[in-house]
Amino acid sequence: MENITPIGEITMKDLAGGELQKLFDEQLSIVRKNIADKRTWIKATREVVIRVIILPTNEEYAQIVCKIGSKLAPISVKPAMVDLTNQQYFKEQGFTKIK
């Protein structure tokens, strides 16, 4: 989110149009769901990342850019075991040359 703001008046409440707390809460909820997901490693590190970029336009004003996101633990899917001797399985998958 972008905003031109007097530099002397920048506060945390002003960032992202006053929505920074809401955006943080949304990302924290995503992290909580990732922690609760049984397909992720419980001890993996997760992060909520807030970046505030200040681009001065002159001595008194700046463009404020806020970026917020999360870094989650990857989802691990266990490989399925397939019985390679099961000819019926392959016939069901469309392999017609099996005797």
PDB file of N, CA and C in Angstrom:
ATOM      1  N   MET A   1       0.847  -1.163   0.000  1.00  0.00           N
ATOM      2  CA  MET A   1       0.000   0.000   0.000  1.00  0.00           C
ATOM      3  C   MET A   1       0.895   1.230   0.000  1.00  0.00           C
ATOM      4  N   GLU A   2       0.512   2.263  -0.701  1.00  0.00           N
ATOM      5  CA  GLU A   2       1.325   3.447  -0.829  1.00  0.00           C
ATOM      6  C   GLU A   2       0.594   4.649  -0.257  1.00  0.00           C
ATOM      7  N   ASN A   3       1.399   5.611   0.240  1.00  0.00           N
ATOM      8  CA  ASN A   3       0.816   6.794   0.842  1.00  0.00           C
ATOM      9  C   ASN A   3       1.887   7.883   0.858  1.00  0.00           C
ATOM     10  N   ILE A   4       1.531   9.129   0.501  1.00  0.00           N
ATOM     11  CA  ILE A   4       2.436  10.265   0.641  1.00  0.00           C
ATOM     12  C   ILE A   4       2.119  10.897   1.993  1.00  0.00           C
ATOM     13  N   THR A   5       3.115  10.943   2.879  1.00  0.00           N
ATOM     14  CA  THR A   5       2.903  11.359   4.263  1.00  0.00           C
ATOM     15  C   THR A   5       3.987  12.350   4.674  1.00  0.00           C
ATOM     16  N   PRO A   6       3.637  13.337   5.475  1.00  0.00           N
ATOM     17  CA  PRO A   6       4.695  14.174   6.056  1.00  0.00           C
ATOM     18  C   PRO A   6       5.611  13.305   6.919  1.00  0.00           C
ATOM     19  N   ILE A   7       6.921  13.383   6.671  1.00  0.00           N
ATOM     20  CA  ILE A   7       7.870  12.508   7.358  1.00  0.00           C
ATOM     21  C   ILE A   7       7.806  12.695   8.870  1.00  0.00           C
ATOM     22  N   GLY A   8       7.630  13.908   9.349  1.00  0.00           N
ATOM     23  CA  GLY A   8       7.607  14.169  10.781  1.00  0.00           C
ATOM     24  C   GLY A   8       6.402  13.584  11.495  1.00  0.00           C
ATOM     25  N   GLU A   9       5.408  13.106  10.750  1.00  0.00           N
ATOM     26  CA  GLU A   9       4.173  12.610  11.346  1.00  0.00           C
ATOM     27  C   GLU A   9       3.949  11.111  11.143  1.00  0.00           C
ATOM     28  N   ILE A  10       4.962  10.391  10.698  1.00  0.00           N
ATOM     29  CA  ILE A  10       4.795   8.957  10.441  1.00  0.00           C
ATOM     30  C   ILE A  10       4.702   8.207  11.769  1.00  0.00           C
ATOM     31  N   THR A  11       3.637   7.440  11.929  1.00  0.00           N
ATOM     32  CA  THR A  11       3.485   6.560  13.087  1.00  0.00           C
ATOM     33  C   THR A  11       3.071   5.181  12.600  1.00  0.00           C
ATOM     34  N   MET A  12       3.159   4.202  13.468  1.00  0.00           N
ATOM     35  CA  MET A  12       2.752   2.841  13.121  1.00  0.00           C
ATOM     36  C   MET A  12       1.282   2.802  12.724  1.00  0.00           C
ATOM     37  N   LYS A  13       0.451   3.606  13.356  1.00  0.00           N
ATOM     38  CA  LYS A  13      -0.981   3.631  13.049  1.00  0.00           C
ATOM     39  C   LYS A  13      -1.260   4.142  11.643  1.00  0.00           C
ATOM     40  N   ASP A  14      -0.360   4.972  11.099  1.00  0.00           N
ATOM     41  CA  ASP A  14      -0.561   5.542   9.769  1.00  0.00           C
ATOM     42  C   ASP A  14      -0.188   4.571   8.647  1.00  0.00           C
ATOM     43  N   LEU A  15       0.640   3.601   8.946  1.00  0.00           N
ATOM     44  CA  LEU A  15       1.148   2.716   7.901  1.00  0.00           C
ATOM     45  C   LEU A  15       0.030   1.885   7.278  1.00  0.00           C
ATOM     46  N   ALA A  16       0.116   1.716   5.981  1.00  0.00           N
ATOM     47  CA  ALA A  16      -0.858   0.925   5.205  1.00  0.00           C
ATOM     48  C   ALA A  16      -2.271   1.460   5.389  1.00  0.00           C
ATOM     49  N   GLY A  17      -2.390   2.771   5.462  1.00  0.00           N
ATOM     50  CA  GLY A  17      -3.713   3.368   5.600  1.00  0.00           C
ATOM     51  C   GLY A  17      -4.400   2.983   6.898  1.00  0.00           C
ATOM     52  N   GLY A  18      -3.612   2.702   7.922  1.00  0.00           N
ATOM     53  CA  GLY A  18      -4.188   2.293   9.200  1.00  0.00           C
ATOM     54  C   GLY A  18      -4.566   0.828   9.262  1.00  0.00           C
ATOM     55  N   GLU A  19      -4.248   0.066   8.242  1.00  0.00           N
ATOM     56  CA  GLU A  19      -4.652  -1.344   8.147  1.00  0.00           C
ATOM     57  C   GLU A  19      -3.551  -2.326   8.524  1.00  0.00           C
ATOM     58  N   LEU A  20      -2.417  -1.844   8.999  1.00  0.00           N
ATOM     59  CA  LEU A  20      -1.288  -2.739   9.261  1.00  0.00           C
ATOM     60  C   LEU A  20      -1.636  -3.817  10.288  1.00  0.00           C
ATOM     61  N   GLN A  21      -2.348  -3.461  11.346  1.00  0.00           N
ATOM     62  CA  GLN A  21      -2.726  -4.449  12.369  1.00  0.00           C
ATOM     63  C   GLN A  21      -3.609  -5.539  11.768  1.00  0.00           C
ATOM     64  N   LYS A  22      -4.568  -5.153  10.945  1.00  0.00           N
ATOM     65  CA  LYS A  22      -5.461  -6.126  10.315  1.00  0.00           C
ATOM     66  C   LYS A  22      -4.674  -7.045   9.378  1.00  0.00           C
ATOM     67  N   LEU A  23      -3.770  -6.476   8.592  1.00  0.00           N
ATOM     68  CA  LEU A  23      -2.958  -7.281   7.682  1.00  0.00           C
ATOM     69  C   LEU A  23      -2.056  -8.241   8.448  1.00  0.00           C
ATOM     70  N   PHE A  24      -1.484  -7.778   9.552  1.00  0.00           N
ATOM     71  CA  PHE A  24      -0.661  -8.648  10.393  1.00  0.00           C
ATOM     72  C   PHE A  24      -1.484  -9.804  10.948  1.00  0.00           C
ATOM     73  N   ASP A  25      -2.677  -9.496  11.460  1.00  0.00           N
ATOM     74  CA  ASP A  25      -3.552 -10.535  12.021  1.00  0.00           C
ATOM     75  C   ASP A  25      -3.915 -11.585  10.973  1.00  0.00           C
ATOM     76  N   GLU A  26      -4.148 -11.146   9.730  1.00  0.00           N
ATOM     77  CA  GLU A  26      -4.475 -12.085   8.652  1.00  0.00           C
ATOM     78  C   GLU A  26      -3.301 -13.021   8.377  1.00  0.00           C
ATOM     79  N   GLN A  27      -2.088 -12.469   8.325  1.00  0.00           N
ATOM     80  CA  GLN A  27      -0.914 -13.301   8.071  1.00  0.00           C
ATOM     81  C   GLN A  27      -0.637 -14.247   9.240  1.00  0.00           C
ATOM     82  N   LEU A  28      -0.849 -13.773  10.458  1.00  0.00           N
ATOM     83  CA  LEU A  28      -0.661 -14.622  11.628  1.00  0.00           C
ATOM     84  C   LEU A  28      -1.648 -15.792  11.621  1.00  0.00           C
ATOM     85  N   SER A  29      -2.860 -15.552  11.157  1.00  0.00           N
ATOM     86  CA  SER A  29      -3.851 -16.619  11.033  1.00  0.00           C
ATOM     87  C   SER A  29      -3.393 -17.676  10.025  1.00  0.00           C
ATOM     88  N   ILE A  30      -2.791 -17.228   8.934  1.00  0.00           N
ATOM     89  CA  ILE A  30      -2.270 -18.161   7.929  1.00  0.00           C
ATOM     90  C   ILE A  30      -1.146 -19.006   8.533  1.00  0.00           C
ATOM     91  N   VAL A  31      -0.277 -18.374   9.324  1.00  0.00           N
ATOM     92  CA  VAL A  31       0.817 -19.097   9.970  1.00  0.00           C
ATOM     93  C   VAL A  31       0.263 -20.128  10.957  1.00  0.00           C
ATOM     94  N   ARG A  32      -0.744 -19.740  11.730  1.00  0.00           N
ATOM     95  CA  ARG A  32      -1.350 -20.680  12.689  1.00  0.00           C
ATOM     96  C   ARG A  32      -1.924 -21.905  11.990  1.00  0.00           C
ATOM     97  N   LYS A  33      -2.579 -21.691  10.852  1.00  0.00           N
ATOM     98  CA  LYS A  33      -3.137 -22.816  10.089  1.00  0.00           C
ATOM     99  C   LYS A  33      -2.037 -23.719   9.568  1.00  0.00           C
ATOM    100  N   ASN A  34      -0.916 -23.124   9.156  1.00  0.00           N
ATOM    101  CA  ASN A  34       0.197 -23.912   8.663  1.00  0.00           C
ATOM    102  C   ASN A  34       0.804 -24.750   9.791  1.00  0.00           C
ATOM    103  N   ILE A  35       0.882 -24.191  10.987  1.00  0.00           N
ATOM    104  CA  ILE A  35       1.405 -24.934  12.140  1.00  0.00           C
ATOM    105  C   ILE A  35       0.485 -26.108  12.472  1.00  0.00           C
ATOM    106  N   ALA A  36      -0.818 -25.893  12.379  1.00  0.00           N
ATOM    107  CA  ALA A  36      -1.795 -26.939  12.714  1.00  0.00           C
ATOM    108  C   ALA A  36      -1.902 -28.015  11.630  1.00  0.00           C
ATOM    109  N   ASP A  37      -1.415 -27.740  10.433  1.00  0.00           N
ATOM    110  CA  ASP A  37      -1.505 -28.684   9.321  1.00  0.00           C
ATOM    111  C   ASP A  37      -0.599 -29.881   9.593  1.00  0.00           C
ATOM    112  N   LYS A  38      -1.169 -31.061   9.663  1.00  0.00           N
ATOM    113  CA  LYS A  38      -0.423 -32.291   9.979  1.00  0.00           C
ATOM    114  C   LYS A  38       0.581 -32.662   8.884  1.00  0.00           C
ATOM    115  N   ARG A  39       0.454 -32.039   7.716  1.00  0.00           N
ATOM    116  CA  ARG A  39       1.376 -32.351   6.614  1.00  0.00           C
ATOM    117  C   ARG A  39       2.638 -31.500   6.655  1.00  0.00           C
ATOM    118  N   THR A  40       2.773 -30.619   7.665  1.00  0.00           N
ATOM    119  CA  THR A  40       3.972 -29.797   7.791  1.00  0.00           C
ATOM    120  C   THR A  40       4.771 -30.250   9.006  1.00  0.00           C
ATOM    121  N   TRP A  41       6.066 -29.984   8.974  1.00  0.00           N
ATOM    122  CA  TRP A  41       6.936 -30.325  10.086  1.00  0.00           C
ATOM    123  C   TRP A  41       6.700 -29.312  11.190  1.00  0.00           C
ATOM    124  N   ILE A  42       6.326 -29.772  12.369  1.00  0.00           N
ATOM    125  CA  ILE A  42       5.904 -28.901  13.460  1.00  0.00           C
ATOM    126  C   ILE A  42       7.016 -27.955  13.905  1.00  0.00           C
ATOM    127  N   LYS A  43       8.274 -28.374  13.834  1.00  0.00           N
ATOM    128  CA  LYS A  43       9.368 -27.543  14.329  1.00  0.00           C
ATOM    129  C   LYS A  43       9.957 -26.613  13.270  1.00  0.00           C
ATOM    130  N   ALA A  44       9.391 -26.607  12.079  1.00  0.00           N
ATOM    131  CA  ALA A  44       9.875 -25.706  11.033  1.00  0.00           C
ATOM    132  C   ALA A  44       9.573 -24.255  11.411  1.00  0.00           C
ATOM    133  N   THR A  45      10.472 -23.371  11.051  1.00  0.00           N
ATOM    134  CA  THR A  45      10.303 -21.958  11.349  1.00  0.00           C
ATOM    135  C   THR A  45       9.307 -21.325  10.385  1.00  0.00           C
ATOM    136  N   ARG A  46       8.404 -20.552  10.939  1.00  0.00           N
ATOM    137  CA  ARG A  46       7.472 -19.750  10.141  1.00  0.00           C
ATOM    138  C   ARG A  46       7.746 -18.291  10.459  1.00  0.00           C
ATOM    139  N   GLU A  47       7.376 -17.402   9.533  1.00  0.00           N
ATOM    140  CA  GLU A  47       7.615 -15.973   9.742  1.00  0.00           C
ATOM    141  C   GLU A  47       6.441 -15.151   9.241  1.00  0.00           C
ATOM    142  N   VAL A  48       6.189 -14.044   9.936  1.00  0.00           N
ATOM    143  CA  VAL A  48       5.354 -12.976   9.410  1.00  0.00           C
ATOM    144  C   VAL A  48       6.332 -11.842   9.135  1.00  0.00           C
ATOM    145  N   VAL A  49       6.382 -11.406   7.893  1.00  0.00           N
ATOM    146  CA  VAL A  49       7.372 -10.424   7.472  1.00  0.00           C
ATOM    147  C   VAL A  49       6.669  -9.117   7.130  1.00  0.00           C
ATOM    148  N   ILE A  50       7.103  -8.040   7.793  1.00  0.00           N
ATOM    149  CA  ILE A  50       6.585  -6.698   7.504  1.00  0.00           C
ATOM    150  C   ILE A  50       7.754  -5.860   7.000  1.00  0.00           C
ATOM    151  N   ARG A  51       7.592  -5.310   5.807  1.00  0.00           N
ATOM    152  CA  ARG A  51       8.607  -4.410   5.246  1.00  0.00           C
ATOM    153  C   ARG A  51       7.986  -3.034   5.093  1.00  0.00           C
ATOM    154  N   VAL A  52       8.665  -2.039   5.613  1.00  0.00           N
ATOM    155  CA  VAL A  52       8.233  -0.658   5.458  1.00  0.00           C
ATOM    156  C   VAL A  52       9.331   0.058   4.679  1.00  0.00           C
ATOM    157  N   ILE A  53       8.993   0.505   3.475  1.00  0.00           N
ATOM    158  CA  ILE A  53       9.954   1.171   2.604  1.00  0.00           C
ATOM    159  C   ILE A  53       9.571   2.650   2.560  1.00  0.00           C
ATOM    160  N   ILE A  54      10.530   3.493   2.878  1.00  0.00           N
ATOM    161  CA  ILE A  54      10.288   4.934   2.912  1.00  0.00           C
ATOM    162  C   ILE A  54      11.069   5.568   1.771  1.00  0.00           C
ATOM    163  N   LEU A  55      10.344   6.182   0.830  1.00  0.00           N
ATOM    164  CA  LEU A  55      10.942   6.828  -0.326  1.00  0.00           C
ATOM    165  C   LEU A  55      10.696   8.333  -0.225  1.00  0.00           C
ATOM    166  N   PRO A  56      11.677   9.083   0.291  1.00  0.00           N
ATOM    167  CA  PRO A  56      11.473  10.520   0.443  1.00  0.00           C
ATOM    168  C   PRO A  56      11.253  11.202  -0.910  1.00  0.00           C
ATOM    169  N   THR A  57      10.242  12.061  -0.969  1.00  0.00           N
ATOM    170  CA  THR A  57      10.021  12.857  -2.182  1.00  0.00           C
ATOM    171  C   THR A  57      10.711  14.204  -2.058  1.00  0.00           C
ATOM    172  N   ASN A  58      10.885  14.675  -0.830  1.00  0.00           N
ATOM    173  CA  ASN A  58      11.671  15.870  -0.499  1.00  0.00           C
ATOM    174  C   ASN A  58      11.961  15.799   0.998  1.00  0.00           C
ATOM    175  N   GLU A  59      12.393  16.884   1.589  1.00  0.00           N
ATOM    176  CA  GLU A  59      12.755  16.854   3.010  1.00  0.00           C
ATOM    177  C   GLU A  59      11.558  16.688   3.933  1.00  0.00           C
ATOM    178  N   GLU A  60      10.365  16.982   3.447  1.00  0.00           N
ATOM    179  CA  GLU A  60       9.193  16.970   4.311  1.00  0.00           C
ATOM    180  C   GLU A  60       8.242  15.804   4.078  1.00  0.00           C
ATOM    181  N   TYR A  61       8.237  15.232   2.869  1.00  0.00           N
ATOM    182  CA  TYR A  61       7.269  14.193   2.535  1.00  0.00           C
ATOM    183  C   TYR A  61       7.967  12.938   2.018  1.00  0.00           C
ATOM    184  N   ALA A  62       7.295  11.817   2.188  1.00  0.00           N
ATOM    185  CA  ALA A  62       7.829  10.550   1.700  1.00  0.00           C
ATOM    186  C   ALA A  62       6.680   9.665   1.236  1.00  0.00           C
ATOM    187  N   GLN A  63       6.996   8.823   0.300  1.00  0.00           N
ATOM    188  CA  GLN A  63       6.054   7.786  -0.121  1.00  0.00           C
ATOM    189  C   GLN A  63       6.352   6.570   0.750  1.00  0.00           C
ATOM    190  N   ILE A  64       5.320   6.040   1.379  1.00  0.00           N
ATOM    191  CA  ILE A  64       5.474   4.890   2.270  1.00  0.00           C
ATOM    192  C   ILE A  64       4.903   3.663   1.580  1.00  0.00           C
ATOM    193  N   VAL A  65       5.702   2.619   1.483  1.00  0.00           N
ATOM    194  CA  VAL A  65       5.256   1.362   0.889  1.00  0.00           C
ATOM    195  C   VAL A  65       5.361   0.282   1.953  1.00  0.00           C
ATOM    196  N   CYS A  66       4.252  -0.365   2.254  1.00  0.00           N
ATOM    197  CA  CYS A  66       4.229  -1.460   3.231  1.00  0.00           C
ATOM    198  C   CYS A  66       3.965  -2.768   2.505  1.00  0.00           C
ATOM    199  N   LYS A  67       4.784  -3.748   2.820  1.00  0.00           N
ATOM    200  CA  LYS A  67       4.593  -5.086   2.263  1.00  0.00           C
ATOM    201  C   LYS A  67       4.567  -6.052   3.432  1.00  0.00           C
ATOM    202  N   ILE A  68       3.576  -6.901   3.445  1.00  0.00           N
ATOM    203  CA  ILE A  68       3.455  -7.877   4.530  1.00  0.00           C
ATOM    204  C   ILE A  68       3.147  -9.241   3.920  1.00  0.00           C
ATOM    205  N   GLY A  69       3.770 -10.238   4.453  1.00  0.00           N
ATOM    206  CA  GLY A  69       3.556 -11.594   3.957  1.00  0.00           C
ATOM    207  C   GLY A  69       4.007 -12.594   5.002  1.00  0.00           C
ATOM    208  N   SER A  70       3.986 -13.853   4.633  1.00  0.00           N
ATOM    209  CA  SER A  70       4.403 -14.894   5.560  1.00  0.00           C
ATOM    210  C   SER A  70       5.248 -15.919   4.829  1.00  0.00           C
ATOM    211  N   LYS A  71       6.119 -16.549   5.585  1.00  0.00           N
ATOM    212  CA  LYS A  71       6.923 -17.664   5.084  1.00  0.00           C
ATOM    213  C   LYS A  71       6.488 -18.874   5.883  1.00  0.00           C
ATOM    214  N   LEU A  72       6.031 -19.883   5.175  1.00  0.00           N
ATOM    215  CA  LEU A  72       5.428 -21.055   5.818  1.00  0.00           C
ATOM    216  C   LEU A  72       6.304 -22.285   5.659  1.00  0.00           C
ATOM    217  N   ALA A  73       6.022 -23.285   6.463  1.00  0.00           N
ATOM    218  CA  ALA A  73       6.666 -24.584   6.313  1.00  0.00           C
ATOM    219  C   ALA A  73       6.054 -25.276   5.100  1.00  0.00           C
ATOM    220  N   PRO A  74       6.866 -25.942   4.296  1.00  0.00           N
ATOM    221  CA  PRO A  74       6.317 -26.628   3.134  1.00  0.00           C
ATOM    222  C   PRO A  74       5.464 -27.824   3.538  1.00  0.00           C
ATOM    223  N   ILE A  75       4.505 -28.123   2.707  1.00  0.00           N
ATOM    224  CA  ILE A  75       3.649 -29.289   2.924  1.00  0.00           C
ATOM    225  C   ILE A  75       4.345 -30.506   2.335  1.00  0.00           C
ATOM    226  N   SER A  76       4.448 -31.548   3.128  1.00  0.00           N
ATOM    227  CA  SER A  76       5.073 -32.789   2.689  1.00  0.00           C
ATOM    228  C   SER A  76       3.991 -33.828   2.449  1.00  0.00           C
ATOM    229  N   VAL A  77       4.019 -34.398   1.278  1.00  0.00           N
ATOM    230  CA  VAL A  77       3.065 -35.454   0.950  1.00  0.00           C
ATOM    231  C   VAL A  77       3.848 -36.756   0.835  1.00  0.00           C
ATOM    232  N   LYS A  78       3.411 -37.751   1.568  1.00  0.00           N
ATOM    233  CA  LYS A  78       4.083 -39.043   1.524  1.00  0.00           C
ATOM    234  C   LYS A  78       3.785 -39.720   0.189  1.00  0.00           C
ATOM    235  N   PRO A  79       4.795 -40.320  -0.420  1.00  0.00           N
ATOM    236  CA  PRO A  79       4.550 -41.008  -1.692  1.00  0.00           C
ATOM    237  C   PRO A  79       3.641 -42.223  -1.492  1.00  0.00           C
ATOM    238  N   ALA A  80       2.797 -42.457  -2.472  1.00  0.00           N
ATOM    239  CA  ALA A  80       1.889 -43.605  -2.409  1.00  0.00           C
ATOM    240  C   ALA A  80       2.633 -44.854  -2.867  1.00  0.00           C
ATOM    241  N   MET A  81       2.339 -45.946  -2.237  1.00  0.00           N
ATOM    242  CA  MET A  81       2.929 -47.221  -2.632  1.00  0.00           C
ATOM    243  C   MET A  81       2.017 -47.888  -3.661  1.00  0.00           C
ATOM    244  N   VAL A  82       2.621 -48.351  -4.737  1.00  0.00           N
ATOM    245  CA  VAL A  82       1.869 -49.020  -5.796  1.00  0.00           C
ATOM    246  C   VAL A  82       2.437 -50.422  -5.963  1.00  0.00           C
ATOM    247  N   ASP A  83       1.568 -51.400  -5.971  1.00  0.00           N
ATOM    248  CA  ASP A  83       1.970 -52.789  -6.192  1.00  0.00           C
ATOM    249  C   ASP A  83       2.172 -52.984  -7.689  1.00  0.00           C
ATOM    250  N   LEU A  84       3.428 -53.068  -8.117  1.00  0.00           N
ATOM    251  CA  LEU A  84       3.726 -53.187  -9.542  1.00  0.00           C
ATOM    252  C   LEU A  84       3.356 -54.554 -10.108  1.00  0.00           C
ATOM    253  N   THR A  85       3.006 -55.481  -9.253  1.00  0.00           N
ATOM    254  CA  THR A  85       2.586 -56.793  -9.738  1.00  0.00           C
ATOM    255  C   THR A  85       1.073 -56.859  -9.928  1.00  0.00           C
ATOM    256  N   ASN A  86       0.359 -55.796  -9.562  1.00  0.00           N
ATOM    257  CA  ASN A  86      -1.093 -55.769  -9.656  1.00  0.00           C
ATOM    258  C   ASN A  86      -1.509 -55.352 -11.073  1.00  0.00           C
ATOM    259  N   GLN A  87      -1.765 -56.324 -11.924  1.00  0.00           N
ATOM    260  CA  GLN A  87      -2.112 -56.038 -13.308  1.00  0.00           C
ATOM    261  C   GLN A  87      -3.474 -55.360 -13.426  1.00  0.00           C
ATOM    262  N   GLN A  88      -4.393 -55.643 -12.530  1.00  0.00           N
ATOM    263  CA  GLN A  88      -5.714 -55.013 -12.562  1.00  0.00           C
ATOM    264  C   GLN A  88      -5.589 -53.495 -12.430  1.00  0.00           C
ATOM    265  N   TYR A  89      -4.694 -53.032 -11.580  1.00  0.00           N
ATOM    266  CA  TYR A  89      -4.480 -51.594 -11.391  1.00  0.00           C
ATOM    267  C   TYR A  89      -4.099 -50.945 -12.712  1.00  0.00           C
ATOM    268  N   PHE A  90      -3.164 -51.558 -13.425  1.00  0.00           N
ATOM    269  CA  PHE A  90      -2.700 -50.974 -14.682  1.00  0.00           C
ATOM    270  C   PHE A  90      -3.784 -51.009 -15.752  1.00  0.00           C
ATOM    271  N   LYS A  91      -4.593 -52.046 -15.759  1.00  0.00           N
ATOM    272  CA  LYS A  91      -5.714 -52.105 -16.703  1.00  0.00           C
ATOM    273  C   LYS A  91      -6.700 -50.978 -16.418  1.00  0.00           C
ATOM    274  N   GLU A  92      -6.953 -50.701 -15.136  1.00  0.00           N
ATOM    275  CA  GLU A  92      -7.856 -49.612 -14.766  1.00  0.00           C
ATOM    276  C   GLU A  92      -7.297 -48.249 -15.154  1.00  0.00           C
ATOM    277  N   GLN A  93      -5.965 -48.153 -15.255  1.00  0.00           N
ATOM    278  CA  GLN A  93      -5.327 -46.893 -15.633  1.00  0.00           C
ATOM    279  C   GLN A  93      -5.250 -46.720 -17.150  1.00  0.00           C
ATOM    280  N   GLY A  94      -5.722 -47.688 -17.890  1.00  0.00           N
ATOM    281  CA  GLY A  94      -5.778 -47.555 -19.344  1.00  0.00           C
ATOM    282  C   GLY A  94      -4.679 -48.282 -20.107  1.00  0.00           C
ATOM    283  N   PHE A  95      -3.860 -49.024 -19.404  1.00  0.00           N
ATOM    284  CA  PHE A  95      -2.827 -49.807 -20.089  1.00  0.00           C
ATOM    285  C   PHE A  95      -3.476 -51.097 -20.582  1.00  0.00           C
ATOM    286  N   THR A  96      -3.691 -51.201 -21.875  1.00  0.00           N
ATOM    287  CA  THR A  96      -4.437 -52.329 -22.427  1.00  0.00           C
ATOM    288  C   THR A  96      -3.556 -53.471 -22.894  1.00  0.00           C
ATOM    289  N   LYS A  97      -2.249 -53.285 -22.960  1.00  0.00           N
ATOM    290  CA  LYS A  97      -1.341 -54.320 -23.462  1.00  0.00           C
ATOM    291  C   LYS A  97      -0.937 -55.303 -22.382  1.00  0.00           C
ATOM    292  N   ILE A  98      -1.526 -55.235 -21.218  1.00  0.00           N
ATOM    293  CA  ILE A  98      -1.158 -56.136 -20.119  1.00  0.00           C
ATOM    294  C   ILE A  98      -1.978 -57.419 -20.236  1.00  0.00           C
ATOM    295  N   LYS A  99      -1.300 -58.553 -20.104  1.00  0.00           N
ATOM    296  CA  LYS A  99      -1.955 -59.851 -20.251  1.00  0.00           C
ATOM    297  C   LYS A  99      -2.523 -60.307 -18.949  1.00  0.00           C
TER     298      LYS A  99
END
